[in-house]
């Protein structure tokens, strides 16, 4: 059985994280993705790269599996001609090059559409083209700052000092928006035969993601409260200390709150006047979180886990990032050791979504320009056949 996106050809000029995450998602579903790289290659090839590797850093390996790599200098006419041939055979053209720069190279939307009239042309940008920030550069830190995300931790601990979430979270969220944008445009093309220009702005995509809960009081006009979802900003709603580590316990319903205090050995606390009704407990959750944190150091993490699970309370041990590859659940089918043609044994992650049809395993990430000769030969064969 063919993969779901088998037969869909994606010409990928994206770099770093945002665009490559989008196109890797498409490649995992079976699309043929040709990664076009300028001389020197994508910068993420070099992030954390061991000296012995061939521009095959760890982030590149996780973001660019399943793609073929060709090196093209789009300032050289011969390589521009190759690009035009690739466009003529592609369903999707996706890039994160500045608008003026791609126009100067001769591959703006109208020029690409002239080559392939039904092309789905996707431009990954930092800021939407209709706003005053349109020409600004954007990186993950910039977007975290601009969306207010960098102020969330300071709201929790009361320090007020802005700081970044230690993850390329804005890039990756925007990449997922890019993937569904491509799929939506492809469905439209299948129904109508028409391609289109699609803009995926990182700022708007991440603001949309973060403000689903944090718009909060400003959802109503005039506002009925402050921005920021209180439950997420509660300083006491944190992993709880145990005698040998930390545990996450989520008493999400009123019944779970009462049960948890039975498990903690202090059911009497929920009978006190300040907590003796569901409404009082709901209004007093910050204090309830504080009390939980005072009680959990009495036992080990494993002991609390056993007690919580026996009472059907959501709980999990806090796992250190350095130990995540030893997680017994992820070890079943998520993490898998694979053999890379040049890098040897690598740890790879399976696609997280499970479909009802089988999905073939994507090839490992390509060495810079590794597929160039083969791709050019295919183009030449196409010319000869016509």
Protein backbone atom coordinates (compact mmCIF):
# COMPACT_ATOMS: atom_id res chain seq x y z
CA UNK A 1 0.00 0.00 0.00
CA UNK A 2 1.45 3.43 -0.90
CA UNK A 3 2.18 5.95 1.82
CA UNK A 4 -0.50 8.60 2.32
CA UNK A 5 1.45 11.38 0.60
CA UNK A 6 3.23 9.17 -1.92
CA UNK A 7 3.38 10.96 -5.27
CA UNK A 8 3.43 14.43 -3.67
CA UNK A 9 6.66 16.23 -4.49
CA UNK A 10 7.88 19.00 -2.18
CA UNK A 11 10.69 21.35 -3.16
CA UNK A 12 12.11 22.53 0.16
CA UNK A 13 14.29 25.63 0.45
CA UNK A 14 13.73 26.06 4.19
CA UNK A 15 16.49 26.18 6.78
CA UNK A 16 17.03 26.02 10.56
CA UNK A 17 13.93 24.61 12.39
CA UNK A 18 10.56 26.16 11.44
CA UNK A 19 10.41 25.04 7.79
CA UNK A 20 12.43 21.83 8.14
CA UNK A 21 10.09 20.57 10.89
CA UNK A 22 7.13 21.18 8.56
CA UNK A 23 8.72 19.34 5.65
CA UNK A 24 10.00 16.48 7.82
CA UNK A 25 6.40 15.92 8.94
CA UNK A 26 5.38 15.69 5.27
CA UNK A 27 8.29 13.37 4.49
CA UNK A 28 7.27 11.08 7.35
CA UNK A 29 3.87 10.72 5.68
CA UNK A 30 5.47 9.69 2.40
CA UNK A 31 5.95 12.91 0.44
CA UNK A 32 9.08 13.14 -1.68
CA UNK A 33 10.96 16.09 -0.22
CA UNK A 34 13.96 17.51 -2.04
CA UNK A 35 15.95 19.75 0.29
CA UNK A 36 17.67 22.43 -1.77
CA UNK A 37 20.70 23.79 0.05
CA UNK A 38 23.02 26.66 -0.76
CA UNK A 39 26.78 26.07 -0.74
CA UNK A 40 27.70 25.36 2.89
CA UNK A 41 24.28 23.89 3.63
CA UNK A 42 21.65 24.49 6.27
CA UNK A 43 23.13 26.11 9.40
CA UNK A 44 21.57 23.44 11.61
CA UNK A 45 23.91 20.88 10.06
CA UNK A 46 26.62 22.41 12.25
CA UNK A 47 24.79 22.83 15.58
CA UNK A 48 26.46 20.46 18.05
CA UNK A 49 28.25 18.70 15.22
CA UNK A 50 30.93 16.23 16.37
CA UNK A 51 34.22 16.92 14.63
CA UNK A 52 34.18 13.58 12.84
CA UNK A 53 30.84 14.05 11.12
CA UNK A 54 30.17 15.34 7.60
CA UNK A 55 28.09 18.40 8.53
CA UNK A 56 25.64 16.04 10.22
CA UNK A 57 24.86 17.64 13.58
CA UNK A 58 22.26 16.12 15.93
CA UNK A 59 19.53 18.70 15.24
CA UNK A 60 19.93 18.20 11.50
CA UNK A 61 19.60 14.45 11.95
CA UNK A 62 16.31 14.83 13.83
CA UNK A 63 14.80 17.48 11.52
CA UNK A 64 15.77 16.34 8.05
CA UNK A 65 15.25 12.61 7.82
CA UNK A 66 13.40 11.35 4.77
CA UNK A 67 14.65 14.18 2.52
CA UNK A 68 16.95 14.15 -0.48
CA UNK A 69 19.65 16.81 -0.58
CA UNK A 70 20.86 18.77 -3.58
CA UNK A 71 23.28 21.69 -3.56
CA UNK A 72 22.26 24.66 -5.74
CA UNK A 73 23.76 28.14 -5.95
CA UNK A 74 20.75 30.16 -7.05
CA UNK A 75 22.99 33.02 -8.12
CA UNK A 76 24.45 30.75 -10.83
CA UNK A 77 22.43 30.46 -14.02
CA UNK A 78 23.04 26.73 -14.46
CA UNK A 79 21.68 26.01 -11.00
CA UNK A 80 18.74 28.35 -11.59
CA UNK A 81 17.90 26.28 -14.65
CA UNK A 82 18.00 23.13 -12.52
CA UNK A 83 15.70 24.80 -10.00
CA UNK A 84 13.21 25.68 -12.73
CA UNK A 85 13.18 22.06 -13.86
CA UNK A 86 12.56 20.90 -10.29
CA UNK A 87 9.71 23.39 -9.90
CA UNK A 88 8.05 22.07 -13.04
CA UNK A 89 7.89 18.63 -11.41
CA UNK A 90 6.84 19.73 -7.92
CA UNK A 91 3.49 20.04 -6.18
CA UNK A 92 4.77 22.23 -3.34
CA UNK A 93 7.42 24.94 -3.24
CA UNK A 94 8.27 25.99 0.33
CA UNK A 95 10.93 28.43 1.56
CA UNK A 96 11.84 30.88 4.32
CA UNK A 97 13.86 33.33 2.22
CA UNK A 98 12.97 37.01 2.57
CA UNK A 99 10.41 38.15 0.02
CA UNK A 100 12.63 40.67 -1.72
CA UNK A 101 15.53 38.23 -1.86
CA UNK A 102 13.52 35.40 -3.41
CA UNK A 103 12.07 37.84 -5.95
CA UNK A 104 15.58 38.99 -6.85
CA UNK A 105 16.61 35.37 -7.41
CA UNK A 106 13.69 34.95 -9.80
CA UNK A 107 11.61 32.57 -7.68
CA UNK A 108 8.83 34.71 -6.27
CA UNK A 109 5.29 33.38 -6.44
CA UNK A 110 4.41 34.76 -9.87
CA UNK A 111 7.65 33.46 -11.42
CA UNK A 112 7.17 30.00 -9.91
CA UNK A 113 3.50 29.96 -10.88
CA UNK A 114 4.50 30.71 -14.47
CA UNK A 115 6.54 27.51 -14.44
CA UNK A 116 3.99 25.37 -12.57
CA UNK A 117 0.52 27.01 -12.64
CA UNK A 118 -0.99 24.74 -9.97
CA UNK A 119 1.91 25.07 -7.53
CA UNK A 120 1.24 25.29 -3.79
CA UNK A 121 3.69 28.04 -2.87
CA UNK A 122 4.36 28.32 0.87
CA UNK A 123 6.31 31.20 2.36
CA UNK A 124 7.47 30.71 5.96
CA UNK A 125 7.97 34.19 7.42
CA UNK A 126 8.70 35.72 10.80
CA UNK A 127 5.87 38.24 10.81
CA UNK A 128 2.77 38.52 8.65
CA UNK A 129 3.22 40.70 5.56
CA UNK A 130 0.31 42.99 6.42
CA UNK A 131 1.74 44.39 9.67
CA UNK A 132 4.42 46.90 10.71
CA UNK A 133 6.84 44.11 11.71
CA UNK A 134 6.78 42.54 8.24
CA UNK A 135 10.42 43.26 7.40
CA UNK A 136 11.90 42.38 10.80
CA UNK A 137 14.08 39.34 11.31
CA UNK A 138 12.61 36.60 13.49
CA UNK A 139 14.17 33.88 15.58
CA UNK A 140 12.66 31.78 18.34
CA UNK A 141 13.82 34.18 21.09
CA UNK A 142 12.39 37.15 19.21
CA UNK A 143 8.99 35.48 18.90
CA UNK A 144 8.94 34.38 22.54
CA UNK A 145 9.67 37.97 23.52
CA UNK A 146 7.13 39.51 21.14
CA UNK A 147 4.27 37.22 22.21
CA UNK A 148 4.74 37.77 25.95
CA UNK A 149 5.84 34.16 26.44
CA UNK A 150 9.13 35.31 27.95
CA UNK A 151 7.22 36.97 30.81
CA UNK A 152 5.25 33.88 31.90
CA UNK A 153 7.89 32.38 34.23
CA UNK A 154 8.31 35.76 35.92
CA UNK A 155 4.58 35.92 36.55
CA UNK A 156 4.74 32.52 38.23
CA UNK A 157 7.66 33.12 40.59
CA UNK A 158 6.95 36.80 41.17
CA UNK A 159 10.43 37.91 40.13
CA UNK A 160 9.11 39.57 37.00
CA UNK A 161 12.35 38.97 35.10
CA UNK A 162 11.63 37.90 31.49
CA UNK A 163 13.28 34.68 30.39
CA UNK A 164 12.91 32.31 27.49
CA UNK A 165 11.31 28.89 27.57
CA UNK A 166 14.41 26.66 27.08
CA UNK A 167 13.16 25.15 23.85
CA UNK A 168 12.80 26.21 20.23
CA UNK A 169 9.09 26.12 20.97
CA UNK A 170 8.01 28.94 18.63
CA UNK A 171 9.93 27.46 15.70
CA UNK A 172 8.42 24.02 16.24
CA UNK A 173 4.86 25.25 16.75
CA UNK A 174 5.14 27.31 13.57
CA UNK A 175 6.51 24.24 11.78
CA UNK A 176 3.39 22.27 12.64
CA UNK A 177 1.26 25.15 11.36
CA UNK A 178 3.34 24.99 8.17
CA UNK A 179 2.66 21.28 7.77
CA UNK A 180 -1.11 21.60 8.06
CA UNK A 181 -1.05 24.66 5.78
CA UNK A 182 0.56 22.56 3.06
CA UNK A 183 -1.96 19.77 3.56
CA UNK A 184 -4.92 22.16 3.47
CA UNK A 185 -3.69 23.76 0.25
CA UNK A 186 -3.11 20.32 -1.29
CA UNK A 187 -6.66 19.23 -0.46
CA UNK A 188 -7.95 22.43 -2.08
CA UNK A 189 -5.82 21.66 -5.14
CA UNK A 190 -7.17 18.12 -5.35
CA UNK A 191 -10.73 19.46 -5.25
CA UNK A 192 -10.32 22.40 -7.62
CA UNK A 193 -7.09 21.89 -9.56
CA UNK A 194 -5.87 25.27 -8.31
CA UNK A 195 -2.64 26.01 -6.52
CA UNK A 196 -2.21 29.06 -4.31
CA UNK A 197 0.16 31.28 -2.34
CA UNK A 198 0.24 30.46 1.38
CA UNK A 199 1.94 32.58 4.03
CA UNK A 200 2.80 31.01 7.39
CA UNK A 201 3.93 33.73 9.84
CA UNK A 202 5.78 32.54 12.92
CA UNK A 203 4.65 35.43 15.15
CA UNK A 204 0.97 34.99 14.43
CA UNK A 205 1.21 31.18 14.61
CA UNK A 206 2.83 31.26 18.04
CA UNK A 207 0.58 34.02 19.37
CA UNK A 208 -2.40 31.92 18.25
CA UNK A 209 -0.93 28.93 20.12
CA UNK A 210 -0.07 30.73 23.36
CA UNK A 211 -3.18 32.89 23.66
CA UNK A 212 -5.66 30.02 23.44
CA UNK A 213 -5.66 30.01 27.23
CA UNK A 214 -3.61 33.08 28.13
CA UNK A 215 -5.84 35.65 26.43
CA UNK A 216 -8.21 34.81 29.30
CA UNK A 217 -9.81 37.97 30.74
CA UNK A 218 -9.14 39.94 27.57
CA UNK A 219 -11.31 37.49 25.63
CA UNK A 220 -14.31 39.61 26.64
CA UNK A 221 -14.60 43.20 25.51
CA UNK A 222 -14.37 45.18 27.65
CA UNK A 223 -12.03 42.85 29.58
CA UNK A 224 -13.48 41.08 32.63
CA UNK A 225 -10.09 40.29 34.12
CA UNK A 226 -6.40 40.14 33.38
CA UNK A 227 -4.57 38.21 30.70
CA UNK A 228 -2.95 34.95 31.73
CA UNK A 229 -4.66 31.69 32.65
CA UNK A 230 -4.46 31.67 36.48
CA UNK A 231 -4.13 27.91 36.81
CA UNK A 232 -0.96 27.96 34.69
CA UNK A 233 0.50 30.94 36.55
CA UNK A 234 -0.05 29.66 40.10
CA UNK A 235 3.34 29.60 41.87
CA UNK A 236 2.29 26.56 43.94
CA UNK A 237 1.16 24.52 40.94
CA UNK A 238 4.54 22.95 40.36
CA UNK A 239 6.02 19.45 40.63
CA UNK A 240 5.75 18.39 44.26
CA UNK A 241 8.84 17.36 46.26
CA UNK A 242 9.11 13.80 47.56
CA UNK A 243 11.69 12.26 49.86
CA UNK A 244 13.81 11.29 46.86
CA UNK A 245 12.75 13.50 43.94
CA UNK A 246 9.66 15.17 42.53
CA UNK A 247 6.25 14.04 41.34
CA UNK A 248 3.54 15.57 39.19
CA UNK A 249 0.03 15.04 40.59
CA UNK A 250 -2.97 16.62 38.88
CA UNK A 251 -6.17 16.69 40.99
CA UNK A 252 -8.18 18.11 38.10
CA UNK A 253 -11.72 17.46 39.38
CA UNK A 254 -13.26 18.19 42.75
CA UNK A 255 -13.63 14.49 43.44
CA UNK A 256 -9.93 14.00 42.68
CA UNK A 257 -9.00 16.75 45.15
CA UNK A 258 -10.90 15.02 47.96
CA UNK A 259 -9.45 11.62 47.03
CA UNK A 260 -5.91 12.99 46.89
CA UNK A 261 -6.08 14.26 50.46
CA UNK A 262 -7.29 10.83 51.53
CA UNK A 263 -4.25 9.34 49.80
CA UNK A 264 -2.05 11.96 51.47
CA UNK A 265 -3.43 10.91 54.84
CA UNK A 266 -5.07 14.24 55.60
CA UNK A 267 -8.75 14.00 54.58
CA UNK A 268 -9.56 16.30 57.49
CA UNK A 269 -8.12 19.29 55.62
CA UNK A 270 -10.90 19.16 53.05
CA UNK A 271 -13.47 19.29 55.89
CA UNK A 272 -12.17 22.60 57.18
CA UNK A 273 -14.49 25.58 56.70
CA UNK A 274 -12.23 27.09 54.03
CA UNK A 275 -12.44 23.93 51.86
CA UNK A 276 -15.71 22.22 52.79
CA UNK A 277 -17.57 22.83 49.50
CA UNK A 278 -16.59 22.31 45.87
CA UNK A 279 -16.76 26.07 45.25
CA UNK A 280 -14.46 26.82 48.18
CA UNK A 281 -11.99 24.21 46.96
CA UNK A 282 -12.09 25.64 43.45
CA UNK A 283 -11.44 29.13 44.77
CA UNK A 284 -8.70 27.90 47.10
CA UNK A 285 -6.64 25.83 44.67
CA UNK A 286 -3.46 27.82 45.18
CA UNK A 287 -3.52 27.04 48.90
CA UNK A 288 -4.44 23.42 48.15
CA UNK A 289 -1.39 23.10 45.89
CA UNK A 290 0.75 24.55 48.68
CA UNK A 291 -0.59 22.02 51.18
CA UNK A 292 0.07 19.12 48.79
CA UNK A 293 3.67 20.28 48.50
CA UNK A 294 4.00 20.23 52.29
CA UNK A 295 2.73 16.65 52.55
CA UNK A 296 4.50 14.87 49.67
CA UNK A 297 8.04 14.93 51.17
CA UNK A 298 6.88 12.27 53.64
CA UNK A 299 7.24 9.43 51.12
CA UNK A 300 9.26 8.40 48.08
CA UNK A 301 8.19 9.13 44.55
CA UNK A 302 7.57 5.43 43.87
CA UNK A 303 5.40 5.12 46.97
CA UNK A 304 3.26 8.11 46.02
CA UNK A 305 2.96 6.85 42.45
CA UNK A 306 1.67 3.50 43.63
CA UNK A 307 -0.84 5.14 45.97
CA UNK A 308 -2.05 7.67 43.38
CA UNK A 309 -2.44 5.08 40.63
CA UNK A 310 -4.31 2.75 42.98
CA UNK A 311 -6.72 5.64 43.64
CA UNK A 312 -6.88 6.43 39.90
CA UNK A 313 -5.29 9.85 40.34
CA UNK A 314 -3.21 11.28 37.46
CA UNK A 315 0.42 11.18 38.57
CA UNK A 316 3.85 10.63 37.07
CA UNK A 317 7.42 10.92 38.28
CA UNK A 318 9.38 13.98 37.16
CA UNK A 319 12.01 12.57 34.83
CA UNK A 320 15.28 14.37 34.24
CA UNK A 321 15.89 15.29 30.62
CA UNK A 322 19.15 13.33 30.69
CA UNK A 323 17.19 10.16 31.50
CA UNK A 324 14.40 10.52 28.93
CA UNK A 325 15.87 7.93 26.57
CA UNK A 326 15.44 5.34 29.33
CA UNK A 327 11.71 5.96 29.68
CA UNK A 328 10.00 2.54 29.56
CA UNK A 329 6.96 3.82 27.66
CA UNK A 330 8.94 5.67 24.99
CA UNK A 331 11.24 2.67 24.74
CA UNK A 332 8.43 0.49 23.37
CA UNK A 333 8.16 2.04 19.90
CA UNK A 334 9.12 5.73 20.01
CA UNK A 335 12.90 5.65 20.37
CA UNK A 336 14.66 3.40 17.92
CA UNK A 337 18.32 2.90 17.13
CA UNK A 338 19.11 3.12 13.45
CA UNK A 339 22.20 2.87 11.31
CA UNK A 340 23.13 6.01 9.39
CA UNK A 341 25.16 5.47 6.18
CA UNK A 342 27.94 7.85 7.30
CA UNK A 343 27.36 8.51 11.00
CA UNK A 344 26.91 4.97 12.28
CA UNK A 345 24.43 4.21 15.05
CA UNK A 346 22.01 7.04 15.86
CA UNK A 347 18.95 7.31 18.08
CA UNK A 348 15.87 8.28 16.10
CA UNK A 349 12.30 9.12 17.10
CA UNK A 350 9.31 7.57 15.38
CA UNK A 351 6.53 9.84 14.07
CA UNK A 352 4.22 10.45 17.06
CA UNK A 353 0.93 10.14 15.14
CA UNK A 354 -0.34 6.64 14.41
CA UNK A 355 -2.49 6.25 11.33
CA UNK A 356 -4.77 3.40 10.39
CA UNK A 357 -2.64 2.66 7.34
CA UNK A 358 1.02 1.61 7.44
CA UNK A 359 3.67 4.30 7.03
CA UNK A 360 7.05 3.33 5.64
CA UNK A 361 10.08 4.30 7.69
CA UNK A 362 11.76 7.47 6.40
CA UNK A 363 15.34 7.30 5.21
CA UNK A 364 17.97 8.89 7.47
CA UNK A 365 18.96 12.51 6.87
CA UNK A 366 21.16 12.98 3.82
CA UNK A 367 24.73 14.15 3.76
CA UNK A 368 25.02 17.61 2.20
CA UNK A 369 24.33 17.33 -1.53
CA UNK A 370 24.32 13.53 -1.41
CA UNK A 371 21.41 13.14 -3.84
CA UNK A 372 22.41 15.85 -6.30
CA UNK A 373 23.80 13.58 -9.02
CA UNK A 374 20.81 11.27 -8.83
CA UNK A 375 18.32 14.16 -8.98
CA UNK A 376 20.10 15.71 -11.97
CA UNK A 377 20.10 12.34 -13.72
CA UNK A 378 16.37 12.05 -13.16
CA UNK A 379 15.86 15.51 -14.67
CA UNK A 380 18.00 14.57 -17.66
CA UNK A 381 16.03 11.36 -18.12
CA UNK A 382 12.83 13.42 -18.08
CA UNK A 383 14.23 15.73 -20.77
CA UNK A 384 15.21 12.76 -22.92
CA UNK A 385 11.80 11.14 -22.52
CA UNK A 386 10.02 14.29 -23.68
